[in-house]
N, C-alpha and C. Protein backbone atom coordinates (compact mmCIF):
# COMPACT_ATOMS: atom_id res chain seq x y z
N MET A 1 176.75 69.29 29.60
CA MET A 1 175.69 69.67 28.71
C MET A 1 175.33 71.12 29.00
N SER A 2 175.49 71.98 28.00
CA SER A 2 175.15 73.39 28.19
C SER A 2 174.25 73.83 27.06
N ASP A 3 173.19 74.52 27.45
CA ASP A 3 172.26 75.04 26.45
C ASP A 3 172.67 76.47 26.11
N SER A 4 172.57 76.82 24.87
CA SER A 4 172.91 78.17 24.45
C SER A 4 171.68 79.06 24.57
N ILE A 5 171.86 80.21 25.18
CA ILE A 5 170.75 81.16 25.29
C ILE A 5 171.04 82.43 24.50
N SER A 6 171.92 82.34 23.55
CA SER A 6 172.28 83.52 22.77
C SER A 6 171.11 84.03 21.94
N GLY A 7 170.14 83.20 21.64
CA GLY A 7 168.97 83.64 20.87
C GLY A 7 168.16 84.68 21.61
N ILE A 8 168.19 84.67 22.94
CA ILE A 8 167.43 85.65 23.72
C ILE A 8 168.01 87.04 23.52
N TYR A 9 169.31 87.15 23.51
CA TYR A 9 169.94 88.44 23.37
C TYR A 9 169.71 89.05 22.01
N SER A 10 169.58 88.25 21.01
CA SER A 10 169.37 88.82 19.67
C SER A 10 167.99 89.44 19.54
N ALA A 11 167.04 89.05 20.39
CA ALA A 11 165.70 89.62 20.31
C ALA A 11 165.62 90.97 21.03
N LEU A 12 166.57 91.29 21.88
CA LEU A 12 166.56 92.55 22.61
C LEU A 12 167.16 93.65 21.75
N PRO A 13 166.64 94.87 21.86
CA PRO A 13 167.23 95.96 21.09
C PRO A 13 168.62 96.27 21.63
N SER A 14 169.50 96.63 20.74
CA SER A 14 170.88 96.90 21.15
C SER A 14 171.03 98.28 21.77
N VAL A 15 170.10 99.18 21.52
CA VAL A 15 170.17 100.52 22.07
C VAL A 15 168.86 100.77 22.82
N ALA A 16 168.97 101.24 24.02
CA ALA A 16 167.77 101.55 24.79
C ALA A 16 167.07 102.75 24.16
N PRO A 17 165.74 102.73 24.10
CA PRO A 17 165.04 103.87 23.51
C PRO A 17 165.22 105.11 24.40
N SER A 18 165.31 106.25 23.78
CA SER A 18 165.43 107.49 24.54
C SER A 18 164.13 108.27 24.39
N TYR A 19 163.75 108.88 25.47
CA TYR A 19 162.52 109.65 25.48
C TYR A 19 162.87 111.11 25.69
N THR A 20 162.31 111.95 24.86
CA THR A 20 162.53 113.38 25.02
C THR A 20 161.18 114.05 25.16
N LEU A 21 161.14 115.06 25.98
CA LEU A 21 159.91 115.82 26.15
C LEU A 21 159.80 116.85 25.05
N PRO A 22 158.58 117.11 24.62
CA PRO A 22 158.42 118.14 23.58
C PRO A 22 158.84 119.49 24.14
N PRO A 23 159.33 120.35 23.28
CA PRO A 23 159.75 121.67 23.75
C PRO A 23 158.56 122.44 24.31
N THR A 24 158.81 123.18 25.37
CA THR A 24 157.74 123.99 25.95
C THR A 24 158.10 125.45 25.77
N HIS A 25 157.11 126.24 25.72
CA HIS A 25 157.31 127.67 25.54
C HIS A 25 156.88 128.36 26.82
N HIS A 26 157.87 128.76 27.60
CA HIS A 26 157.60 129.44 28.86
C HIS A 26 157.93 130.91 28.71
N GLN A 27 157.14 131.71 29.42
CA GLN A 27 157.50 133.10 29.51
C GLN A 27 158.56 133.21 30.59
N ALA A 28 159.16 134.34 30.70
CA ALA A 28 160.20 134.54 31.71
C ALA A 28 159.63 134.24 33.09
N SER A 29 160.40 133.54 33.90
CA SER A 29 159.91 133.18 35.22
C SER A 29 159.90 134.38 36.17
N GLN A 30 160.68 135.38 35.87
CA GLN A 30 160.69 136.59 36.68
C GLN A 30 159.59 137.53 36.20
N PRO A 31 158.74 138.02 37.12
CA PRO A 31 157.70 138.95 36.67
C PRO A 31 158.32 140.28 36.23
N SER A 32 157.74 140.88 35.24
CA SER A 32 158.25 142.16 34.76
C SER A 32 157.79 143.26 35.72
N PRO A 33 158.45 144.40 35.70
CA PRO A 33 158.07 145.50 36.60
C PRO A 33 156.62 145.95 36.41
N GLU A 34 156.10 145.84 35.19
CA GLU A 34 154.73 146.25 34.93
C GLU A 34 153.74 145.25 35.54
N SER A 35 154.15 143.99 35.64
CA SER A 35 153.28 142.93 36.15
C SER A 35 153.95 142.30 37.37
N PRO A 36 153.56 142.70 38.58
CA PRO A 36 154.26 142.20 39.77
C PRO A 36 154.02 140.72 40.05
N GLY A 37 153.06 140.10 39.40
CA GLY A 37 152.82 138.67 39.62
C GLY A 37 151.91 138.44 40.81
N ASP A 38 151.76 137.20 41.17
CA ASP A 38 150.90 136.84 42.28
C ASP A 38 151.62 137.05 43.60
N THR A 39 150.89 137.52 44.57
CA THR A 39 151.46 137.66 45.91
C THR A 39 150.51 137.00 46.90
N VAL A 40 151.06 136.53 47.99
CA VAL A 40 150.28 135.92 49.04
C VAL A 40 150.54 136.69 50.32
N THR A 41 149.47 137.06 51.00
CA THR A 41 149.60 137.75 52.27
C THR A 41 149.06 136.82 53.34
N LEU A 42 149.90 136.47 54.29
CA LEU A 42 149.50 135.58 55.38
C LEU A 42 148.90 136.38 56.51
N SER A 43 147.90 135.82 57.15
CA SER A 43 147.33 136.45 58.33
C SER A 43 148.37 136.42 59.45
N GLN A 44 148.12 137.21 60.48
CA GLN A 44 149.05 137.23 61.61
C GLN A 44 149.16 135.84 62.23
N ALA A 45 148.04 135.17 62.41
CA ALA A 45 148.05 133.83 63.01
C ALA A 45 148.84 132.86 62.14
N ALA A 46 148.71 132.97 60.81
CA ALA A 46 149.45 132.09 59.90
C ALA A 46 150.94 132.38 59.96
N GLN A 47 151.30 133.66 60.08
CA GLN A 47 152.71 134.02 60.20
C GLN A 47 153.30 133.46 61.49
N VAL A 48 152.53 133.58 62.59
CA VAL A 48 152.97 133.05 63.87
C VAL A 48 153.18 131.54 63.77
N SER A 49 152.21 130.87 63.17
CA SER A 49 152.29 129.41 63.02
C SER A 49 153.49 129.00 62.17
N GLN A 50 153.70 129.71 61.08
CA GLN A 50 154.81 129.39 60.19
C GLN A 50 156.16 129.60 60.89
N MET A 51 156.29 130.71 61.59
CA MET A 51 157.55 131.00 62.28
C MET A 51 157.80 129.99 63.41
N SER A 52 156.73 129.62 64.09
CA SER A 52 156.86 128.61 65.14
C SER A 52 157.29 127.28 64.55
N GLY A 53 156.74 126.94 63.40
CA GLY A 53 157.12 125.71 62.71
C GLY A 53 158.58 125.71 62.27
N GLN A 54 159.13 126.89 62.10
CA GLN A 54 160.54 127.02 61.72
C GLN A 54 161.45 127.04 62.94
N GLY A 55 160.86 126.88 64.13
CA GLY A 55 161.65 126.78 65.35
C GLY A 55 161.89 128.09 66.08
N GLU A 56 161.23 129.16 65.66
CA GLU A 56 161.40 130.45 66.34
C GLU A 56 160.68 130.44 67.68
N SER A 57 161.25 131.11 68.67
CA SER A 57 160.62 131.20 69.99
C SER A 57 159.51 132.24 69.96
N ALA A 58 158.62 132.16 70.95
CA ALA A 58 157.50 133.10 71.03
C ALA A 58 158.00 134.54 71.13
N SER A 59 159.06 134.77 71.89
CA SER A 59 159.57 136.14 72.05
C SER A 59 160.15 136.68 70.74
N ILE A 60 160.83 135.83 69.98
CA ILE A 60 161.38 136.25 68.68
C ILE A 60 160.25 136.52 67.69
N ILE A 61 159.24 135.66 67.69
CA ILE A 61 158.09 135.86 66.80
C ILE A 61 157.40 137.18 67.12
N ALA A 62 157.17 137.42 68.43
CA ALA A 62 156.52 138.66 68.85
C ALA A 62 157.33 139.88 68.43
N GLN A 63 158.63 139.81 68.61
CA GLN A 63 159.50 140.94 68.24
C GLN A 63 159.49 141.15 66.72
N SER A 64 159.55 140.07 65.96
CA SER A 64 159.58 140.18 64.50
C SER A 64 158.28 140.76 63.94
N LEU A 65 157.16 140.37 64.55
CA LEU A 65 155.86 140.82 64.04
C LEU A 65 155.37 142.09 64.73
N GLY A 66 156.07 142.51 65.80
CA GLY A 66 155.67 143.72 66.51
C GLY A 66 154.39 143.53 67.30
N ILE A 67 154.21 142.36 67.89
CA ILE A 67 153.02 142.06 68.68
C ILE A 67 153.45 141.53 70.05
N PRO A 68 152.55 141.58 71.03
CA PRO A 68 152.90 141.06 72.36
C PRO A 68 153.08 139.55 72.35
N VAL A 69 153.91 139.05 73.27
CA VAL A 69 154.15 137.61 73.40
C VAL A 69 152.84 136.90 73.73
N ALA A 70 151.97 137.56 74.51
CA ALA A 70 150.67 136.95 74.86
C ALA A 70 149.84 136.68 73.61
N THR A 71 149.94 137.55 72.63
CA THR A 71 149.21 137.34 71.37
C THR A 71 149.78 136.15 70.61
N VAL A 72 151.09 136.03 70.61
CA VAL A 72 151.74 134.88 69.97
C VAL A 72 151.27 133.60 70.66
N ASP A 73 151.27 133.62 72.00
CA ASP A 73 150.82 132.45 72.75
C ASP A 73 149.38 132.08 72.39
N LEU A 74 148.51 133.08 72.29
CA LEU A 74 147.11 132.82 71.93
C LEU A 74 147.01 132.21 70.53
N ASP A 75 147.77 132.78 69.59
CA ASP A 75 147.74 132.25 68.21
C ASP A 75 148.24 130.81 68.15
N LEU A 76 149.17 130.46 69.05
CA LEU A 76 149.71 129.10 69.07
C LEU A 76 148.88 128.16 69.95
N GLY A 77 147.89 128.72 70.62
CA GLY A 77 147.05 127.88 71.49
C GLY A 77 147.72 127.56 72.81
N ILE A 78 148.67 128.39 73.22
CA ILE A 78 149.35 128.18 74.49
C ILE A 78 148.54 128.85 75.58
N VAL A 79 148.18 128.08 76.59
CA VAL A 79 147.38 128.61 77.68
C VAL A 79 148.29 128.78 78.89
N ALA A 80 148.23 129.95 79.48
CA ALA A 80 149.05 130.21 80.66
C ALA A 80 148.53 129.39 81.83
N THR A 81 149.43 128.86 82.61
CA THR A 81 149.05 128.10 83.80
C THR A 81 149.25 128.95 85.03
N GLN A 82 148.65 128.52 86.12
CA GLN A 82 148.81 129.26 87.37
C GLN A 82 150.25 129.15 87.84
N THR A 83 150.72 130.22 88.46
CA THR A 83 152.06 130.18 89.01
C THR A 83 151.99 129.73 90.46
N ALA A 84 153.08 129.33 91.02
CA ALA A 84 153.12 128.82 92.39
C ALA A 84 152.68 129.89 93.38
N SER A 85 152.94 131.14 93.10
CA SER A 85 152.57 132.20 94.04
C SER A 85 151.06 132.40 94.12
N LYS A 86 150.33 131.98 93.13
CA LYS A 86 148.88 132.15 93.12
C LYS A 86 148.14 130.92 93.62
N LEU A 87 148.86 129.87 93.93
CA LEU A 87 148.20 128.67 94.43
C LEU A 87 147.81 128.85 95.88
N THR A 88 146.71 128.24 96.26
CA THR A 88 146.26 128.32 97.63
C THR A 88 146.97 127.23 98.44
N PRO A 89 147.50 127.59 99.57
CA PRO A 89 148.17 126.59 100.37
C PRO A 89 147.20 125.53 100.90
N VAL A 90 147.65 124.32 100.94
CA VAL A 90 146.85 123.22 101.45
C VAL A 90 147.36 122.88 102.85
N PRO A 91 146.43 122.84 103.80
CA PRO A 91 146.91 122.53 105.17
C PRO A 91 147.43 121.09 105.26
N VAL A 92 148.48 120.93 106.02
CA VAL A 92 149.07 119.62 106.21
C VAL A 92 148.78 119.18 107.65
N ILE A 93 148.25 118.01 107.79
CA ILE A 93 147.94 117.49 109.11
C ILE A 93 148.96 116.42 109.46
N TYR A 94 149.66 116.65 110.57
CA TYR A 94 150.64 115.68 111.04
C TYR A 94 150.02 114.81 112.12
N ARG A 95 150.24 113.56 112.13
CA ARG A 95 149.69 112.67 113.14
C ARG A 95 150.77 112.07 113.97
């Protein structure tokens, strides 16, 4: 015993509807020489952060921006730690 389901297919449209976007009118995407367009100027700290996010080292960032590595470290929130030569020796007591 088999039921026919061919009636379902006849109710479906034979061609899928196509959707098209209305035409848009854009000006040239390149700014003309008379109109330079919008520009964004990043602060030094933002440039440091962006370059660091791209994987650049502090020394490369400093060289690229013409600033000291210490300034790059400050902008990135890197705090210098004490070096071993500046640590005070701790006396050791042997028993």
